[in-house]
mmCIF file of all heavy atoms, coordinates in Angstrom:
data_MODEL
# 
_entry.id   MODEL 
# 
loop_
_atom_site.group_PDB 
_atom_site.id 
_atom_site.type_symbol 
_atom_site.label_atom_id 
_atom_site.label_alt_id 
_atom_site.label_comp_id 
_atom_site.label_asym_id 
_atom_site.label_entity_id 
_atom_site.label_seq_id 
_atom_site.pdbx_PDB_ins_code 
_atom_site.Cartn_x 
_atom_site.Cartn_y 
_atom_site.Cartn_z 
_atom_site.occupancy 
_atom_site.B_iso_or_equiv 
_atom_site.pdbx_formal_charge 
_atom_site.auth_seq_id 
_atom_site.auth_comp_id 
_atom_site.auth_asym_id 
_atom_site.auth_atom_id 
_atom_site.pdbx_PDB_model_num 
ATOM 1   N N   . ASP A 1 1  ? -40.916 -8.087  8.394   1.00 0.00 ? 1  ASP A N   1 
ATOM 2   C CA  . ASP A 1 1  ? -41.854 -7.691  7.348   1.00 0.00 ? 1  ASP A CA  1 
ATOM 3   C C   . ASP A 1 1  ? -41.561 -6.294  6.822   1.00 0.00 ? 1  ASP A C   1 
ATOM 4   O O   . ASP A 1 1  ? -41.188 -5.402  7.594   1.00 0.00 ? 1  ASP A O   1 
ATOM 5   C CB  . ASP A 1 1  ? -43.286 -7.674  7.905   1.00 0.00 ? 1  ASP A CB  1 
ATOM 6   C CG  . ASP A 1 1  ? -43.671 -8.996  8.538   1.00 0.00 ? 1  ASP A CG  1 
ATOM 7   O OD1 . ASP A 1 1  ? -44.107 -9.885  7.800   1.00 0.00 ? 1  ASP A OD1 1 
ATOM 8   O OD2 . ASP A 1 1  ? -43.535 -9.134  9.777   1.00 0.00 ? 1  ASP A OD2 1 
ATOM 9   N N   . ILE A 1 2  ? -41.763 -6.110  5.510   1.00 0.00 ? 2  ILE A N   1 
ATOM 10  C CA  . ILE A 1 2  ? -41.851 -4.766  4.954   1.00 0.00 ? 2  ILE A CA  1 
ATOM 11  C C   . ILE A 1 2  ? -43.215 -4.660  4.262   1.00 0.00 ? 2  ILE A C   1 
ATOM 12  O O   . ILE A 1 2  ? -43.738 -5.644  3.725   1.00 0.00 ? 2  ILE A O   1 
ATOM 13  C CB  . ILE A 1 2  ? -40.686 -4.438  3.990   1.00 0.00 ? 2  ILE A CB  1 
ATOM 14  C CG1 . ILE A 1 2  ? -40.687 -5.335  2.758   1.00 0.00 ? 2  ILE A CG1 1 
ATOM 15  C CG2 . ILE A 1 2  ? -39.348 -4.540  4.709   1.00 0.00 ? 2  ILE A CG2 1 
ATOM 16  C CD1 . ILE A 1 2  ? -39.628 -4.914  1.727   1.00 0.00 ? 2  ILE A CD1 1 
ATOM 17  N N   . VAL A 1 3  ? -43.806 -3.465  4.330   1.00 0.00 ? 3  VAL A N   1 
ATOM 18  C CA  . VAL A 1 3  ? -45.189 -3.268  3.897   1.00 0.00 ? 3  VAL A CA  1 
ATOM 19  C C   . VAL A 1 3  ? -45.251 -2.145  2.860   1.00 0.00 ? 3  VAL A C   1 
ATOM 20  O O   . VAL A 1 3  ? -44.611 -1.092  3.040   1.00 0.00 ? 3  VAL A O   1 
ATOM 21  C CB  . VAL A 1 3  ? -46.098 -2.923  5.104   1.00 0.00 ? 3  VAL A CB  1 
ATOM 22  C CG1 . VAL A 1 3  ? -47.541 -2.716  4.654   1.00 0.00 ? 3  VAL A CG1 1 
ATOM 23  C CG2 . VAL A 1 3  ? -46.016 -4.022  6.164   1.00 0.00 ? 3  VAL A CG2 1 
ATOM 24  N N   . TYR A 1 4  ? -45.997 -2.376  1.804   1.00 0.00 ? 4  TYR A N   1 
ATOM 25  C CA  . TYR A 1 4  ? -46.137 -1.399  0.723   1.00 0.00 ? 4  TYR A CA  1 
ATOM 26  C C   . TYR A 1 4  ? -47.595 -1.008  0.534   1.00 0.00 ? 4  TYR A C   1 
ATOM 27  O O   . TYR A 1 4  ? -48.497 -1.855  0.616   1.00 0.00 ? 4  TYR A O   1 
ATOM 28  C CB  . TYR A 1 4  ? -45.577 -1.972  -0.593  1.00 0.00 ? 4  TYR A CB  1 
ATOM 29  C CG  . TYR A 1 4  ? -44.074 -1.952  -0.621  1.00 0.00 ? 4  TYR A CG  1 
ATOM 30  C CD1 . TYR A 1 4  ? -43.337 -2.869  0.099   1.00 0.00 ? 4  TYR A CD1 1 
ATOM 31  C CD2 . TYR A 1 4  ? -43.376 -0.969  -1.337  1.00 0.00 ? 4  TYR A CD2 1 
ATOM 32  C CE1 . TYR A 1 4  ? -41.958 -2.840  0.111   1.00 0.00 ? 4  TYR A CE1 1 
ATOM 33  C CE2 . TYR A 1 4  ? -41.993 -0.931  -1.339  1.00 0.00 ? 4  TYR A CE2 1 
ATOM 34  C CZ  . TYR A 1 4  ? -41.287 -1.866  -0.609  1.00 0.00 ? 4  TYR A CZ  1 
ATOM 35  O OH  . TYR A 1 4  ? -39.904 -1.819  -0.595  1.00 0.00 ? 4  TYR A OH  1 
ATOM 36  N N   . GLU A 1 5  ? -47.816 0.281   0.289   1.00 0.00 ? 5  GLU A N   1 
ATOM 37  C CA  . GLU A 1 5  ? -49.140 0.777   -0.093  1.00 0.00 ? 5  GLU A CA  1 
ATOM 38  C C   . GLU A 1 5  ? -49.236 0.760   -1.614  1.00 0.00 ? 5  GLU A C   1 
ATOM 39  O O   . GLU A 1 5  ? -48.302 1.192   -2.314  1.00 0.00 ? 5  GLU A O   1 
ATOM 40  C CB  . GLU A 1 5  ? -49.342 2.194   0.433   1.00 0.00 ? 5  GLU A CB  1 
ATOM 41  C CG  . GLU A 1 5  ? -50.731 2.733   0.159   1.00 0.00 ? 5  GLU A CG  1 
ATOM 42  C CD  . GLU A 1 5  ? -50.925 4.145   0.707   1.00 0.00 ? 5  GLU A CD  1 
ATOM 43  O OE1 . GLU A 1 5  ? -50.035 4.642   1.439   1.00 0.00 ? 5  GLU A OE1 1 
ATOM 44  O OE2 . GLU A 1 5  ? -51.961 4.749   0.377   1.00 0.00 ? 5  GLU A OE2 1 
ATOM 45  N N   . LEU A 1 6  ? -50.338 0.239   -2.119  1.00 0.00 ? 6  LEU A N   1 
ATOM 46  C CA  . LEU A 1 6  ? -50.515 0.082   -3.557  1.00 0.00 ? 6  LEU A CA  1 
ATOM 47  C C   . LEU A 1 6  ? -51.353 1.217   -4.144  1.00 0.00 ? 6  LEU A C   1 
ATOM 48  O O   . LEU A 1 6  ? -52.157 1.843   -3.444  1.00 0.00 ? 6  LEU A O   1 
ATOM 49  C CB  . LEU A 1 6  ? -51.185 -1.262  -3.856  1.00 0.00 ? 6  LEU A CB  1 
ATOM 50  C CG  . LEU A 1 6  ? -50.445 -2.494  -3.302  1.00 0.00 ? 6  LEU A CG  1 
ATOM 51  C CD1 . LEU A 1 6  ? -51.238 -3.761  -3.594  1.00 0.00 ? 6  LEU A CD1 1 
ATOM 52  C CD2 . LEU A 1 6  ? -49.039 -2.593  -3.857  1.00 0.00 ? 6  LEU A CD2 1 
ATOM 53  N N   . LYS A 1 7  ? -51.168 1.460   -5.437  1.00 0.00 ? 7  LYS A N   1 
ATOM 54  C CA  . LYS A 1 7  ? -51.873 2.561   -6.102  1.00 0.00 ? 7  LYS A CA  1 
ATOM 55  C C   . LYS A 1 7  ? -53.367 2.295   -6.205  1.00 0.00 ? 7  LYS A C   1 
ATOM 56  O O   . LYS A 1 7  ? -54.182 3.207   -6.076  1.00 0.00 ? 7  LYS A O   1 
ATOM 57  C CB  . LYS A 1 7  ? -51.295 2.772   -7.506  1.00 0.00 ? 7  LYS A CB  1 
ATOM 58  C CG  . LYS A 1 7  ? -49.885 3.327   -7.519  1.00 0.00 ? 7  LYS A CG  1 
ATOM 59  C CD  . LYS A 1 7  ? -49.351 3.395   -8.951  1.00 0.00 ? 7  LYS A CD  1 
ATOM 60  C CE  . LYS A 1 7  ? -47.930 3.938   -8.980  1.00 0.00 ? 7  LYS A CE  1 
ATOM 61  N NZ  . LYS A 1 7  ? -47.347 3.888   -10.350 1.00 0.00 ? 7  LYS A NZ  1 
ATOM 62  N N   . THR A 1 8  ? -53.721 1.054   -6.469  1.00 0.00 ? 8  THR A N   1 
ATOM 63  C CA  . THR A 1 8  ? -55.131 0.698   -6.652  1.00 0.00 ? 8  THR A CA  1 
ATOM 64  C C   . THR A 1 8  ? -55.455 -0.540  -5.826  1.00 0.00 ? 8  THR A C   1 
ATOM 65  O O   . THR A 1 8  ? -54.575 -1.137  -5.198  1.00 0.00 ? 8  THR A O   1 
ATOM 66  C CB  . THR A 1 8  ? -55.437 0.426   -8.140  1.00 0.00 ? 8  THR A CB  1 
ATOM 67  O OG1 . THR A 1 8  ? -54.510 -0.564  -8.631  1.00 0.00 ? 8  THR A OG1 1 
ATOM 68  C CG2 . THR A 1 8  ? -55.289 1.703   -8.968  1.00 0.00 ? 8  THR A CG2 1 
ATOM 69  N N   . ALA A 1 9  ? -56.718 -0.951  -5.833  1.00 0.00 ? 9  ALA A N   1 
ATOM 70  C CA  . ALA A 1 9  ? -57.190 -2.061  -4.987  1.00 0.00 ? 9  ALA A CA  1 
ATOM 71  C C   . ALA A 1 9  ? -56.800 -3.405  -5.602  1.00 0.00 ? 9  ALA A C   1 
ATOM 72  O O   . ALA A 1 9  ? -57.654 -4.185  -6.039  1.00 0.00 ? 9  ALA A O   1 
ATOM 73  C CB  . ALA A 1 9  ? -58.691 -1.960  -4.797  1.00 0.00 ? 9  ALA A CB  1 
ATOM 74  N N   . ASP A 1 10 ? -55.489 -3.690  -5.620  1.00 0.00 ? 10 ASP A N   1 
ATOM 75  C CA  . ASP A 1 10 ? -54.989 -4.883  -6.295  1.00 0.00 ? 10 ASP A CA  1 
ATOM 76  C C   . ASP A 1 10 ? -54.638 -6.023  -5.345  1.00 0.00 ? 10 ASP A C   1 
ATOM 77  O O   . ASP A 1 10 ? -54.070 -7.019  -5.779  1.00 0.00 ? 10 ASP A O   1 
ATOM 78  C CB  . ASP A 1 10 ? -53.750 -4.528  -7.128  1.00 0.00 ? 10 ASP A CB  1 
ATOM 79  C CG  . ASP A 1 10 ? -54.105 -3.778  -8.406  1.00 0.00 ? 10 ASP A CG  1 
ATOM 80  O OD1 . ASP A 1 10 ? -54.918 -4.305  -9.181  1.00 0.00 ? 10 ASP A OD1 1 
ATOM 81  O OD2 . ASP A 1 10 ? -53.571 -2.671  -8.607  1.00 0.00 ? 10 ASP A OD2 1 
ATOM 82  N N   . SER A 1 11 ? -54.938 -5.866  -4.067  1.00 0.00 ? 11 SER A N   1 
ATOM 83  C CA  . SER A 1 11 ? -54.623 -6.947  -3.130  1.00 0.00 ? 11 SER A CA  1 
ATOM 84  C C   . SER A 1 11 ? -55.895 -7.401  -2.416  1.00 0.00 ? 11 SER A C   1 
ATOM 85  O O   . SER A 1 11 ? -56.982 -6.864  -2.626  1.00 0.00 ? 11 SER A O   1 
ATOM 86  C CB  . SER A 1 11 ? -53.573 -6.488  -2.109  1.00 0.00 ? 11 SER A CB  1 
ATOM 87  O OG  . SER A 1 11 ? -54.156 -5.677  -1.111  1.00 0.00 ? 11 SER A OG  1 
ATOM 88  N N   . LEU A 1 12 ? -55.723 -8.368  -1.535  1.00 0.00 ? 12 LEU A N   1 
ATOM 89  C CA  . LEU A 1 12 ? -56.868 -8.902  -0.793  1.00 0.00 ? 12 LEU A CA  1 
ATOM 90  C C   . LEU A 1 12 ? -57.460 -7.899  0.179   1.00 0.00 ? 12 LEU A C   1 
ATOM 91  O O   . LEU A 1 12 ? -58.563 -8.110  0.690   1.00 0.00 ? 12 LEU A O   1 
ATOM 92  C CB  . LEU A 1 12 ? -56.435 -10.167 -0.033  1.00 0.00 ? 12 LEU A CB  1 
ATOM 93  C CG  . LEU A 1 12 ? -56.076 -11.375 -0.900  1.00 0.00 ? 12 LEU A CG  1 
ATOM 94  C CD1 . LEU A 1 12 ? -55.403 -12.460 -0.049  1.00 0.00 ? 12 LEU A CD1 1 
ATOM 95  C CD2 . LEU A 1 12 ? -57.306 -11.942 -1.595  1.00 0.00 ? 12 LEU A CD2 1 
ATOM 96  N N   . ASP A 1 13 ? -56.757 -6.803  0.442   1.00 0.00 ? 13 ASP A N   1 
ATOM 97  C CA  . ASP A 1 13 ? -57.271 -5.793  1.369   1.00 0.00 ? 13 ASP A CA  1 
ATOM 98  C C   . ASP A 1 13 ? -58.617 -5.234  0.931   1.00 0.00 ? 13 ASP A C   1 
ATOM 99  O O   . ASP A 1 13 ? -59.412 -4.803  1.758   1.00 0.00 ? 13 ASP A O   1 
ATOM 100 C CB  . ASP A 1 13 ? -56.270 -4.636  1.510   1.00 0.00 ? 13 ASP A CB  1 
ATOM 101 C CG  . ASP A 1 13 ? -55.049 -5.036  2.334   1.00 0.00 ? 13 ASP A CG  1 
ATOM 102 O OD1 . ASP A 1 13 ? -55.099 -6.080  3.001   1.00 0.00 ? 13 ASP A OD1 1 
ATOM 103 O OD2 . ASP A 1 13 ? -54.046 -4.300  2.293   1.00 0.00 ? 13 ASP A OD2 1 
ATOM 104 N N   . LYS A 1 14 ? -58.885 -5.234  -0.357  1.00 0.00 ? 14 LYS A N   1 
ATOM 105 C CA  . LYS A 1 14 ? -60.145 -4.641  -0.810  1.00 0.00 ? 14 LYS A CA  1 
ATOM 106 C C   . LYS A 1 14 ? -61.354 -5.417  -0.268  1.00 0.00 ? 14 LYS A C   1 
ATOM 107 O O   . LYS A 1 14 ? -62.444 -4.864  -0.147  1.00 0.00 ? 14 LYS A O   1 
ATOM 108 C CB  . LYS A 1 14 ? -60.188 -4.547  -2.326  1.00 0.00 ? 14 LYS A CB  1 
ATOM 109 C CG  . LYS A 1 14 ? -60.584 -5.790  -3.094  1.00 0.00 ? 14 LYS A CG  1 
ATOM 110 C CD  . LYS A 1 14 ? -60.691 -5.456  -4.582  1.00 0.00 ? 14 LYS A CD  1 
ATOM 111 C CE  . LYS A 1 14 ? -61.236 -6.614  -5.390  1.00 0.00 ? 14 LYS A CE  1 
ATOM 112 N NZ  . LYS A 1 14 ? -61.318 -6.293  -6.826  1.00 0.00 ? 14 LYS A NZ  1 
ATOM 113 N N   . TYR A 1 15 ? -61.118 -6.681  0.102   1.00 0.00 ? 15 TYR A N   1 
ATOM 114 C CA  . TYR A 1 15 ? -62.227 -7.491  0.608   1.00 0.00 ? 15 TYR A CA  1 
ATOM 115 C C   . TYR A 1 15 ? -62.525 -7.218  2.080   1.00 0.00 ? 15 TYR A C   1 
ATOM 116 O O   . TYR A 1 15 ? -63.384 -7.871  2.676   1.00 0.00 ? 15 TYR A O   1 
ATOM 117 C CB  . TYR A 1 15 ? -61.942 -8.971  0.363   1.00 0.00 ? 15 TYR A CB  1 
ATOM 118 C CG  . TYR A 1 15 ? -61.856 -9.257  -1.117  1.00 0.00 ? 15 TYR A CG  1 
ATOM 119 C CD1 . TYR A 1 15 ? -60.621 -9.342  -1.768  1.00 0.00 ? 15 TYR A CD1 1 
ATOM 120 C CD2 . TYR A 1 15 ? -63.015 -9.377  -1.884  1.00 0.00 ? 15 TYR A CD2 1 
ATOM 121 C CE1 . TYR A 1 15 ? -60.535 -9.558  -3.128  1.00 0.00 ? 15 TYR A CE1 1 
ATOM 122 C CE2 . TYR A 1 15 ? -62.932 -9.596  -3.256  1.00 0.00 ? 15 TYR A CE2 1 
ATOM 123 C CZ  . TYR A 1 15 ? -61.692 -9.686  -3.875  1.00 0.00 ? 15 TYR A CZ  1 
ATOM 124 O OH  . TYR A 1 15 ? -61.628 -9.889  -5.232  1.00 0.00 ? 15 TYR A OH  1 
ATOM 125 N N   . ASN A 1 16 ? -61.820 -6.230  2.675   1.00 0.00 ? 16 ASN A N   1 
ATOM 126 C CA  . ASN A 1 16 ? -62.200 -5.758  4.006   1.00 0.00 ? 16 ASN A CA  1 
ATOM 127 C C   . ASN A 1 16 ? -63.477 -4.923  3.946   1.00 0.00 ? 16 ASN A C   1 
ATOM 128 O O   . ASN A 1 16 ? -64.153 -4.755  4.959   1.00 0.00 ? 16 ASN A O   1 
ATOM 129 C CB  . ASN A 1 16 ? -61.066 -4.916  4.620   1.00 0.00 ? 16 ASN A CB  1 
ATOM 130 C CG  . ASN A 1 16 ? -59.839 -5.766  4.918   1.00 0.00 ? 16 ASN A CG  1 
ATOM 131 O OD1 . ASN A 1 16 ? -59.952 -6.958  5.186   1.00 0.00 ? 16 ASN A OD1 1 
ATOM 132 N ND2 . ASN A 1 16 ? -58.665 -5.155  4.866   1.00 0.00 ? 16 ASN A ND2 1 
ATOM 133 N N   . LYS A 1 17 ? -63.780 -4.387  2.777   1.00 0.00 ? 17 LYS A N   1 
ATOM 134 C CA  . LYS A 1 17 ? -65.020 -3.619  2.599   1.00 0.00 ? 17 LYS A CA  1 
ATOM 135 C C   . LYS A 1 17 ? -66.196 -4.595  2.506   1.00 0.00 ? 17 LYS A C   1 
ATOM 136 O O   . LYS A 1 17 ? -66.116 -5.627  1.834   1.00 0.00 ? 17 LYS A O   1 
ATOM 137 C CB  . LYS A 1 17 ? -64.945 -2.756  1.345   1.00 0.00 ? 17 LYS A CB  1 
ATOM 138 C CG  . LYS A 1 17 ? -63.946 -1.603  1.456   1.00 0.00 ? 17 LYS A CG  1 
ATOM 139 C CD  . LYS A 1 17 ? -64.069 -0.674  0.249   1.00 0.00 ? 17 LYS A CD  1 
ATOM 140 C CE  . LYS A 1 17 ? -63.333 0.632   0.478   1.00 0.00 ? 17 LYS A CE  1 
ATOM 141 N NZ  . LYS A 1 17 ? -61.879 0.461   0.578   1.00 0.00 ? 17 LYS A NZ  1 
ATOM 142 N N   . LEU A 1 18 ? -67.297 -4.236  3.155   1.00 0.00 ? 18 LEU A N   1 
ATOM 143 C CA  . LEU A 1 18 ? -68.405 -5.167  3.334   1.00 0.00 ? 18 LEU A CA  1 
ATOM 144 C C   . LEU A 1 18 ? -68.952 -5.704  2.008   1.00 0.00 ? 18 LEU A C   1 
ATOM 145 O O   . LEU A 1 18 ? -69.173 -6.909  1.867   1.00 0.00 ? 18 LEU A O   1 
ATOM 146 C CB  . LEU A 1 18 ? -69.530 -4.499  4.136   1.00 0.00 ? 18 LEU A CB  1 
ATOM 147 C CG  . LEU A 1 18 ? -70.739 -5.399  4.439   1.00 0.00 ? 18 LEU A CG  1 
ATOM 148 C CD1 . LEU A 1 18 ? -70.325 -6.622  5.252   1.00 0.00 ? 18 LEU A CD1 1 
ATOM 149 C CD2 . LEU A 1 18 ? -71.833 -4.615  5.161   1.00 0.00 ? 18 LEU A CD2 1 
ATOM 150 N N   . HIS A 1 19 ? -69.157 -4.828  1.021   1.00 0.00 ? 19 HIS A N   1 
ATOM 151 C CA  . HIS A 1 19 ? -69.774 -5.299  -0.211  1.00 0.00 ? 19 HIS A CA  1 
ATOM 152 C C   . HIS A 1 19 ? -68.864 -6.277  -0.960  1.00 0.00 ? 19 HIS A C   1 
ATOM 153 O O   . HIS A 1 19 ? -69.332 -7.263  -1.535  1.00 0.00 ? 19 HIS A O   1 
ATOM 154 C CB  . HIS A 1 19 ? -70.194 -4.129  -1.114  1.00 0.00 ? 19 HIS A CB  1 
ATOM 155 C CG  . HIS A 1 19 ? -69.081 -3.293  -1.637  1.00 0.00 ? 19 HIS A CG  1 
ATOM 156 N ND1 . HIS A 1 19 ? -68.345 -2.449  -0.831  1.00 0.00 ? 19 HIS A ND1 1 
ATOM 157 C CD2 . HIS A 1 19 ? -68.566 -3.161  -2.891  1.00 0.00 ? 19 HIS A CD2 1 
ATOM 158 C CE1 . HIS A 1 19 ? -67.430 -1.831  -1.563  1.00 0.00 ? 19 HIS A CE1 1 
ATOM 159 N NE2 . HIS A 1 19 ? -67.537 -2.243  -2.809  1.00 0.00 ? 19 HIS A NE2 1 
ATOM 160 N N   . TRP A 1 20 ? -67.543 -6.004  -0.933  1.00 0.00 ? 20 TRP A N   1 
ATOM 161 C CA  . TRP A 1 20 ? -66.604 -6.935  -1.557  1.00 0.00 ? 20 TRP A CA  1 
ATOM 162 C C   . TRP A 1 20 ? -66.531 -8.253  -0.765  1.00 0.00 ? 20 TRP A C   1 
ATOM 163 O O   . TRP A 1 20 ? -66.400 -9.332  -1.353  1.00 0.00 ? 20 TRP A O   1 
ATOM 164 C CB  . TRP A 1 20 ? -65.221 -6.308  -1.666  1.00 0.00 ? 20 TRP A CB  1 
ATOM 165 C CG  . TRP A 1 20 ? -65.069 -5.339  -2.796  1.00 0.00 ? 20 TRP A CG  1 
ATOM 166 C CD1 . TRP A 1 20 ? -64.879 -3.993  -2.716  1.00 0.00 ? 20 TRP A CD1 1 
ATOM 167 C CD2 . TRP A 1 20 ? -65.113 -5.647  -4.202  1.00 0.00 ? 20 TRP A CD2 1 
ATOM 168 N NE1 . TRP A 1 20 ? -64.795 -3.438  -3.962  1.00 0.00 ? 20 TRP A NE1 1 
ATOM 169 C CE2 . TRP A 1 20 ? -64.941 -4.431  -4.894  1.00 0.00 ? 20 TRP A CE2 1 
ATOM 170 C CE3 . TRP A 1 20 ? -65.293 -6.817  -4.921  1.00 0.00 ? 20 TRP A CE3 1 
ATOM 171 C CZ2 . TRP A 1 20 ? -64.927 -4.359  -6.286  1.00 0.00 ? 20 TRP A CZ2 1 
ATOM 172 C CZ3 . TRP A 1 20 ? -65.283 -6.759  -6.306  1.00 0.00 ? 20 TRP A CZ3 1 
ATOM 173 C CH2 . TRP A 1 20 ? -65.105 -5.534  -6.973  1.00 0.00 ? 20 TRP A CH2 1 
ATOM 174 N N   . MET A 1 21 ? -66.593 -8.138  0.561   1.00 0.00 ? 21 MET A N   1 
ATOM 175 C CA  . MET A 1 21 ? -66.562 -9.332  1.404   1.00 0.00 ? 21 MET A CA  1 
ATOM 176 C C   . MET A 1 21 ? -67.757 -10.249 1.093   1.00 0.00 ? 21 MET A C   1 
ATOM 177 O O   . MET A 1 21 ? -67.614 -11.465 0.961   1.00 0.00 ? 21 MET A O   1 
ATOM 178 C CB  . MET A 1 21 ? -66.582 -8.916  2.876   1.00 0.00 ? 21 MET A CB  1 
ATOM 179 C CG  . MET A 1 21 ? -66.291 -10.037 3.852   1.00 0.00 ? 21 MET A CG  1 
ATOM 180 S SD  . MET A 1 21 ? -66.416 -9.482  5.578   1.00 0.00 ? 21 MET A SD  1 
ATOM 181 C CE  . MET A 1 21 ? -65.186 -8.186  5.641   1.00 0.00 ? 21 MET A CE  1 
ATOM 182 N N   . LEU A 1 22 ? -68.934 -9.640  0.956   1.00 0.00 ? 22 LEU A N   1 
ATOM 183 C CA  . LEU A 1 22 ? -70.133 -10.420 0.643   1.00 0.00 ? 22 LEU A CA  1 
ATOM 184 C C   . LEU A 1 22 ? -70.018 -11.062 -0.739  1.00 0.00 ? 22 LEU A C   1 
ATOM 185 O O   . LEU A 1 22 ? -70.414 -12.213 -0.942  1.00 0.00 ? 22 LEU A O   1 
ATOM 186 C CB  . LEU A 1 22 ? -71.371 -9.527  0.724   1.00 0.00 ? 22 LEU A CB  1 
ATOM 187 C CG  . LEU A 1 22 ? -71.717 -9.016  2.135   1.00 0.00 ? 22 LEU A CG  1 
ATOM 188 C CD1 . LEU A 1 22 ? -72.839 -7.992  2.065   1.00 0.00 ? 22 LEU A CD1 1 
ATOM 189 C CD2 . LEU A 1 22 ? -72.103 -10.169 3.054   1.00 0.00 ? 22 LEU A CD2 1 
ATOM 190 N N   . TRP A 1 23 ? -69.477 -10.310 -1.688  1.00 0.00 ? 23 TRP A N   1 
ATOM 191 C CA  . TRP A 1 23 ? -69.290 -10.839 -3.032  1.00 0.00 ? 23 TRP A CA  1 
ATOM 192 C C   . TRP A 1 23 ? -68.336 -12.033 -3.022  1.00 0.00 ? 23 TRP A C   1 
ATOM 193 O O   . TRP A 1 23 ? -68.598 -13.068 -3.658  1.00 0.00 ? 23 TRP A O   1 
ATOM 194 C CB  . TRP A 1 23 ? -68.769 -9.736  -3.958  1.00 0.00 ? 23 TRP A CB  1 
ATOM 195 C CG  . TRP A 1 23 ? -68.461 -10.217 -5.343  1.00 0.00 ? 23 TRP A CG  1 
ATOM 196 C CD1 . TRP A 1 23 ? -67.243 -10.476 -5.877  1.00 0.00 ? 23 TRP A CD1 1 
ATOM 197 C CD2 . TRP A 1 23 ? -69.406 -10.536 -6.371  1.00 0.00 ? 23 TRP A CD2 1 
ATOM 198 N NE1 . TRP A 1 23 ? -67.356 -10.930 -7.180  1.00 0.00 ? 23 TRP A NE1 1 
ATOM 199 C CE2 . TRP A 1 23 ? -68.677 -10.973 -7.511  1.00 0.00 ? 23 TRP A CE2 1 
ATOM 200 C CE3 . TRP A 1 23 ? -70.804 -10.476 -6.448  1.00 0.00 ? 23 TRP A CE3 1 
ATOM 201 C CZ2 . TRP A 1 23 ? -69.291 -11.346 -8.696  1.00 0.00 ? 23 TRP A CZ2 1 
ATOM 202 C CZ3 . TRP A 1 23 ? -71.413 -10.860 -7.633  1.00 0.00 ? 23 TRP A CZ3 1 
ATOM 203 C CH2 . TRP A 1 23 ? -70.664 -11.290 -8.749  1.00 0.00 ? 23 TRP A CH2 1 
ATOM 204 N N   . ALA A 1 24 ? -67.233 -11.904 -2.273  1.00 0.00 ? 24 ALA A N   1 
ATOM 205 C CA  . ALA A 1 24 ? -66.252 -12.994 -2.192  1.00 0.00 ? 24 ALA A CA  1 
ATOM 206 C C   . ALA A 1 24 ? -66.874 -14.229 -1.547  1.00 0.00 ? 24 ALA A C   1 
ATOM 207 O O   . ALA A 1 24 ? -66.640 -15.361 -1.988  1.00 0.00 ? 24 ALA A O   1 
ATOM 208 C CB  . ALA A 1 24 ? -65.028 -12.541 -1.406  1.00 0.00 ? 24 ALA A CB  1 
# 
């Protein structure tokens, strides 16, 4: 694997935050 950090919340990682998780 190679891993990249993105400039903005453009991946599924943003749904680790509770409010986004609830929305999803």
